[in-house]
N, C-alpha and C. Protein backbone atom coordinates (compact mmCIF):
# COMPACT_ATOMS: atom_id res chain seq x y z
N MET A 1 28.66 -17.16 -19.83
CA MET A 1 27.78 -16.22 -20.48
C MET A 1 26.32 -16.49 -20.13
N VAL A 2 25.93 -17.76 -20.13
CA VAL A 2 24.55 -18.11 -19.86
C VAL A 2 24.16 -17.76 -18.42
N PRO A 3 24.99 -18.05 -17.40
CA PRO A 3 24.60 -17.68 -16.04
C PRO A 3 24.41 -16.16 -15.88
N ALA A 4 25.24 -15.37 -16.52
CA ALA A 4 25.09 -13.91 -16.43
C ALA A 4 23.77 -13.47 -17.06
N ALA A 5 23.42 -14.06 -18.18
CA ALA A 5 22.15 -13.72 -18.83
C ALA A 5 20.96 -14.13 -17.97
N MET A 6 21.06 -15.26 -17.29
CA MET A 6 19.99 -15.69 -16.40
C MET A 6 19.82 -14.73 -15.23
N VAL A 7 20.92 -14.25 -14.68
CA VAL A 7 20.85 -13.29 -13.57
C VAL A 7 20.19 -12.00 -14.03
N VAL A 8 20.53 -11.54 -15.23
CA VAL A 8 19.92 -10.32 -15.76
C VAL A 8 18.41 -10.52 -15.93
N ILE A 9 18.00 -11.66 -16.43
CA ILE A 9 16.57 -11.94 -16.60
C ILE A 9 15.88 -12.01 -15.24
N LEU A 10 16.48 -12.66 -14.27
CA LEU A 10 15.88 -12.77 -12.94
C LEU A 10 15.79 -11.41 -12.26
N VAL A 11 16.80 -10.57 -12.44
CA VAL A 11 16.74 -9.22 -11.87
C VAL A 11 15.61 -8.42 -12.53
N ALA A 12 15.46 -8.56 -13.83
CA ALA A 12 14.37 -7.86 -14.53
C ALA A 12 13.01 -8.32 -14.01
N VAL A 13 12.84 -9.60 -13.80
CA VAL A 13 11.59 -10.12 -13.26
C VAL A 13 11.37 -9.60 -11.85
N GLN A 14 12.43 -9.54 -11.05
CA GLN A 14 12.32 -9.03 -9.68
C GLN A 14 11.91 -7.56 -9.68
N VAL A 15 12.44 -6.78 -10.59
CA VAL A 15 12.04 -5.37 -10.69
C VAL A 15 10.56 -5.27 -11.05
N CYS A 16 10.08 -6.13 -11.92
CA CYS A 16 8.66 -6.13 -12.28
C CYS A 16 7.80 -6.50 -11.08
N LEU A 17 8.22 -7.48 -10.30
CA LEU A 17 7.49 -7.84 -9.09
C LEU A 17 7.45 -6.67 -8.11
N TRP A 18 8.56 -5.96 -7.97
CA TRP A 18 8.61 -4.79 -7.09
C TRP A 18 7.65 -3.71 -7.57
N ALA A 19 7.59 -3.48 -8.88
CA ALA A 19 6.70 -2.46 -9.43
C ALA A 19 5.23 -2.81 -9.17
N VAL A 20 4.87 -4.07 -9.34
CA VAL A 20 3.50 -4.49 -9.08
C VAL A 20 3.19 -4.35 -7.59
N ALA A 21 4.13 -4.71 -6.74
CA ALA A 21 3.93 -4.59 -5.30
C ALA A 21 3.79 -3.13 -4.88
N ALA A 22 4.58 -2.25 -5.48
CA ALA A 22 4.48 -0.82 -5.16
C ALA A 22 3.12 -0.26 -5.55
N GLU A 23 2.62 -0.65 -6.70
CA GLU A 23 1.30 -0.21 -7.14
C GLU A 23 0.21 -0.77 -6.22
N THR A 24 0.38 -1.99 -5.77
CA THR A 24 -0.60 -2.62 -4.89
C THR A 24 -0.68 -1.90 -3.55
N VAL A 25 0.46 -1.59 -2.93
CA VAL A 25 0.40 -0.90 -1.63
C VAL A 25 -0.11 0.52 -1.79
N GLN A 26 0.13 1.15 -2.95
CA GLN A 26 -0.45 2.48 -3.20
C GLN A 26 -1.98 2.38 -3.24
N SER A 27 -2.50 1.35 -3.88
CA SER A 27 -3.95 1.17 -3.95
C SER A 27 -4.54 0.91 -2.57
N ILE A 28 -3.87 0.11 -1.77
CA ILE A 28 -4.35 -0.19 -0.42
C ILE A 28 -4.35 1.09 0.42
N ALA A 29 -3.28 1.87 0.34
CA ALA A 29 -3.19 3.11 1.11
C ALA A 29 -4.26 4.10 0.66
N GLY A 30 -4.52 4.18 -0.63
CA GLY A 30 -5.55 5.07 -1.14
C GLY A 30 -6.93 4.68 -0.65
N ARG A 31 -7.21 3.40 -0.63
CA ARG A 31 -8.50 2.92 -0.13
C ARG A 31 -8.66 3.24 1.36
N ALA A 32 -7.64 2.95 2.15
CA ALA A 32 -7.71 3.18 3.59
C ALA A 32 -7.88 4.66 3.90
N ALA A 33 -7.10 5.51 3.24
CA ALA A 33 -7.19 6.96 3.49
C ALA A 33 -8.51 7.51 2.99
N GLY A 34 -8.99 7.02 1.86
CA GLY A 34 -10.26 7.50 1.32
C GLY A 34 -11.43 7.19 2.22
N VAL A 35 -11.46 6.00 2.79
CA VAL A 35 -12.55 5.64 3.69
C VAL A 35 -12.45 6.46 4.98
N ALA A 36 -11.25 6.61 5.51
CA ALA A 36 -11.08 7.36 6.76
C ALA A 36 -11.43 8.83 6.59
N ALA A 37 -11.13 9.40 5.42
CA ALA A 37 -11.35 10.83 5.20
C ALA A 37 -12.71 11.14 4.60
N GLY A 38 -13.44 10.15 4.19
CA GLY A 38 -14.74 10.38 3.57
C GLY A 38 -15.75 10.93 4.56
N VAL A 39 -16.85 11.43 4.03
CA VAL A 39 -17.91 11.98 4.87
C VAL A 39 -18.40 10.87 5.81
N GLY A 40 -18.32 11.14 7.10
CA GLY A 40 -18.73 10.15 8.09
C GLY A 40 -17.69 9.08 8.36
N GLY A 41 -16.54 9.17 7.74
CA GLY A 41 -15.49 8.17 7.92
C GLY A 41 -14.76 8.35 9.23
N THR A 42 -14.13 7.27 9.68
CA THR A 42 -13.34 7.31 10.90
C THR A 42 -12.00 6.63 10.65
N VAL A 43 -11.07 6.86 11.55
CA VAL A 43 -9.77 6.20 11.44
C VAL A 43 -9.95 4.69 11.53
N THR A 44 -10.82 4.24 12.40
CA THR A 44 -11.07 2.80 12.55
C THR A 44 -11.65 2.21 11.28
N ALA A 45 -12.60 2.91 10.67
CA ALA A 45 -13.18 2.42 9.40
C ALA A 45 -12.11 2.37 8.32
N GLY A 46 -11.25 3.38 8.27
CA GLY A 46 -10.17 3.38 7.29
C GLY A 46 -9.20 2.24 7.52
N GLN A 47 -8.88 1.98 8.78
CA GLN A 47 -7.98 0.86 9.13
C GLN A 47 -8.59 -0.47 8.67
N GLN A 48 -9.87 -0.66 8.96
CA GLN A 48 -10.53 -1.90 8.57
C GLN A 48 -10.61 -2.05 7.05
N ALA A 49 -10.89 -0.95 6.35
CA ALA A 49 -10.95 -0.99 4.88
C ALA A 49 -9.58 -1.30 4.30
N GLY A 50 -8.54 -0.71 4.89
CA GLY A 50 -7.18 -0.98 4.42
C GLY A 50 -6.78 -2.42 4.63
N GLU A 51 -7.13 -2.97 5.79
CA GLU A 51 -6.79 -4.37 6.06
C GLU A 51 -7.58 -5.31 5.15
N ALA A 52 -8.83 -4.99 4.87
CA ALA A 52 -9.61 -5.81 3.95
C ALA A 52 -9.03 -5.73 2.54
N SER A 53 -8.62 -4.53 2.13
CA SER A 53 -8.00 -4.39 0.81
C SER A 53 -6.68 -5.15 0.74
N ALA A 54 -5.93 -5.11 1.83
CA ALA A 54 -4.65 -5.84 1.85
C ALA A 54 -4.89 -7.34 1.70
N ARG A 55 -5.91 -7.85 2.36
CA ARG A 55 -6.21 -9.29 2.24
C ARG A 55 -6.60 -9.66 0.81
N SER A 56 -7.35 -8.78 0.15
CA SER A 56 -7.82 -9.12 -1.19
C SER A 56 -6.85 -8.77 -2.31
N LEU A 57 -6.03 -7.73 -2.12
CA LEU A 57 -5.16 -7.28 -3.21
C LEU A 57 -3.72 -7.77 -3.11
N ALA A 58 -3.22 -7.97 -1.91
CA ALA A 58 -1.79 -8.27 -1.75
C ALA A 58 -1.40 -9.56 -2.44
N GLY A 59 -2.19 -10.59 -2.28
CA GLY A 59 -1.91 -11.85 -2.94
C GLY A 59 -0.50 -12.34 -2.67
N PRO A 60 0.10 -13.01 -3.62
CA PRO A 60 1.45 -13.53 -3.40
C PRO A 60 2.56 -12.51 -3.66
N VAL A 61 2.22 -11.34 -4.17
CA VAL A 61 3.26 -10.36 -4.52
C VAL A 61 3.74 -9.59 -3.30
N VAL A 62 2.83 -9.18 -2.43
CA VAL A 62 3.19 -8.44 -1.21
C VAL A 62 2.94 -9.37 -0.03
N THR A 63 4.01 -9.73 0.67
CA THR A 63 3.87 -10.58 1.84
C THR A 63 3.91 -9.73 3.09
N ASP A 64 3.19 -10.13 4.09
CA ASP A 64 3.13 -9.45 5.39
C ASP A 64 2.78 -7.97 5.27
N PRO A 65 1.67 -7.62 4.59
CA PRO A 65 1.32 -6.21 4.52
C PRO A 65 0.85 -5.69 5.88
N VAL A 66 1.27 -4.47 6.20
CA VAL A 66 0.88 -3.81 7.44
C VAL A 66 0.23 -2.48 7.07
N VAL A 67 -0.97 -2.24 7.60
CA VAL A 67 -1.71 -1.01 7.32
C VAL A 67 -1.82 -0.22 8.62
N LEU A 68 -1.51 1.06 8.54
CA LEU A 68 -1.65 1.96 9.68
C LEU A 68 -2.36 3.22 9.21
N VAL A 69 -3.46 3.56 9.85
CA VAL A 69 -4.20 4.78 9.55
C VAL A 69 -4.19 5.63 10.80
N GLU A 70 -3.79 6.89 10.65
CA GLU A 70 -3.70 7.78 11.81
C GLU A 70 -4.18 9.18 11.42
N PRO A 71 -4.73 9.91 12.39
CA PRO A 71 -5.16 11.28 12.10
C PRO A 71 -3.96 12.22 12.06
N LEU A 72 -4.06 13.21 11.19
CA LEU A 72 -3.06 14.28 11.13
C LEU A 72 -3.75 15.57 11.55
N GLY A 73 -4.13 15.63 12.79
CA GLY A 73 -4.90 16.78 13.25
C GLY A 73 -6.36 16.59 12.88
N PRO A 74 -7.16 17.66 13.00
CA PRO A 74 -8.60 17.52 12.76
C PRO A 74 -8.99 17.51 11.28
N ASN A 75 -8.09 17.86 10.39
CA ASN A 75 -8.47 18.04 8.98
C ASN A 75 -7.83 17.08 7.99
N ALA A 76 -7.08 16.09 8.46
CA ALA A 76 -6.43 15.18 7.53
C ALA A 76 -6.15 13.83 8.20
N VAL A 77 -6.00 12.82 7.37
CA VAL A 77 -5.60 11.49 7.85
C VAL A 77 -4.45 11.00 7.00
N ARG A 78 -3.68 10.09 7.57
CA ARG A 78 -2.55 9.48 6.85
C ARG A 78 -2.71 7.97 6.90
N ALA A 79 -2.52 7.34 5.76
CA ALA A 79 -2.50 5.87 5.68
C ALA A 79 -1.11 5.46 5.23
N VAL A 80 -0.51 4.56 5.97
CA VAL A 80 0.82 4.04 5.65
C VAL A 80 0.69 2.53 5.48
N VAL A 81 1.17 2.02 4.36
CA VAL A 81 1.14 0.58 4.08
C VAL A 81 2.55 0.14 3.77
N THR A 82 3.00 -0.90 4.45
CA THR A 82 4.32 -1.47 4.19
C THR A 82 4.18 -2.96 3.95
N GLY A 83 5.15 -3.53 3.30
CA GLY A 83 5.16 -4.97 3.06
C GLY A 83 6.45 -5.40 2.40
N GLN A 84 6.61 -6.69 2.31
CA GLN A 84 7.77 -7.28 1.65
C GLN A 84 7.37 -7.78 0.27
N VAL A 85 8.25 -7.59 -0.68
CA VAL A 85 8.00 -8.07 -2.05
C VAL A 85 8.45 -9.52 -2.13
N GLU A 86 7.65 -10.33 -2.78
CA GLU A 86 8.05 -11.72 -3.00
C GLU A 86 9.37 -11.72 -3.76
N SER A 87 10.32 -12.49 -3.27
CA SER A 87 11.66 -12.48 -3.87
C SER A 87 11.94 -13.77 -4.61
N ILE A 88 12.48 -13.64 -5.82
CA ILE A 88 12.91 -14.81 -6.57
C ILE A 88 14.43 -14.94 -6.54
N LEU A 89 15.09 -13.95 -5.98
CA LEU A 89 16.54 -13.98 -5.82
C LEU A 89 16.85 -14.15 -4.33
N PRO A 90 17.62 -15.17 -3.97
CA PRO A 90 17.80 -15.48 -2.55
C PRO A 90 18.51 -14.39 -1.74
N TRP A 91 19.30 -13.57 -2.35
CA TRP A 91 20.04 -12.54 -1.61
C TRP A 91 19.34 -11.18 -1.59
N LEU A 92 18.19 -11.09 -2.21
CA LEU A 92 17.48 -9.82 -2.32
C LEU A 92 16.13 -9.91 -1.62
N HIS A 93 15.87 -8.97 -0.70
CA HIS A 93 14.61 -8.95 0.05
C HIS A 93 14.04 -7.53 0.01
N PRO A 94 13.49 -7.12 -1.13
CA PRO A 94 12.99 -5.75 -1.24
C PRO A 94 11.70 -5.54 -0.44
N SER A 95 11.50 -4.31 -0.03
CA SER A 95 10.27 -3.95 0.66
C SER A 95 9.62 -2.80 -0.09
N VAL A 96 8.35 -2.58 0.20
CA VAL A 96 7.60 -1.48 -0.40
C VAL A 96 6.90 -0.71 0.71
N ARG A 97 6.67 0.57 0.44
CA ARG A 97 6.00 1.43 1.41
C ARG A 97 5.23 2.49 0.65
N ALA A 98 4.01 2.74 1.08
CA ALA A 98 3.19 3.79 0.48
C ALA A 98 2.60 4.64 1.59
N VAL A 99 2.61 5.95 1.39
CA VAL A 99 2.02 6.89 2.34
C VAL A 99 1.02 7.74 1.57
N ARG A 100 -0.19 7.84 2.11
CA ARG A 100 -1.22 8.65 1.47
C ARG A 100 -1.81 9.58 2.52
N ASP A 101 -1.68 10.89 2.31
CA ASP A 101 -2.29 11.90 3.17
C ASP A 101 -3.50 12.47 2.45
N VAL A 102 -4.64 12.51 3.14
CA VAL A 102 -5.88 12.97 2.52
C VAL A 102 -6.58 13.91 3.49
N GLY A 103 -7.13 15.00 2.94
CA GLY A 103 -7.91 15.92 3.74
C GLY A 103 -9.27 15.33 4.07
N VAL A 104 -9.74 15.60 5.27
CA VAL A 104 -11.04 15.09 5.72
C VAL A 104 -12.14 15.86 5.01
N GLN A 105 -13.12 15.11 4.50
CA GLN A 105 -14.26 15.73 3.81
C GLN A 105 -15.37 15.99 4.82
N ARG A 106 -15.93 17.14 4.74
CA ARG A 106 -17.03 17.52 5.64
C ARG A 106 -18.23 17.95 4.81
N PHE A 107 -19.37 17.58 5.29
CA PHE A 107 -20.62 17.96 4.64
C PHE A 107 -21.12 19.24 5.30
N ARG A 108 -21.32 20.27 4.49
CA ARG A 108 -21.81 21.55 5.03
C ARG A 108 -23.08 21.93 4.28
N ILE A 109 -24.02 22.47 5.02
CA ILE A 109 -25.27 22.94 4.44
C ILE A 109 -25.20 24.46 4.34
N GLY A 110 -25.63 24.97 3.23
CA GLY A 110 -25.68 26.42 3.08
C GLY A 110 -24.62 26.94 2.13
N PRO A 111 -24.67 28.23 1.88
CA PRO A 111 -23.75 28.82 0.91
C PRO A 111 -22.35 28.97 1.43
């Protein structure tokens, strides 16, 4: 009975780690896409911002984060962030992925 209860507790903790990791990669993707799509932003600037965010936010929860920022034509950019969730169960190796598509912002003068 006790080993089964321990497995249930460990699975619950693993689900919580996955949820935190999913939120983290969403934040990284949002930052990367926002910088790339902002006024005067570039895909390179978005890539660098995403990688900087990954270094500061991923911590021990998301291991090996990978950030990819790419243009979706002239009016949008896509940021994709993937990574592995820290695992406390030896047979489970969950991963997380976030995709953020954002329209490019342009500054226009006049009505």
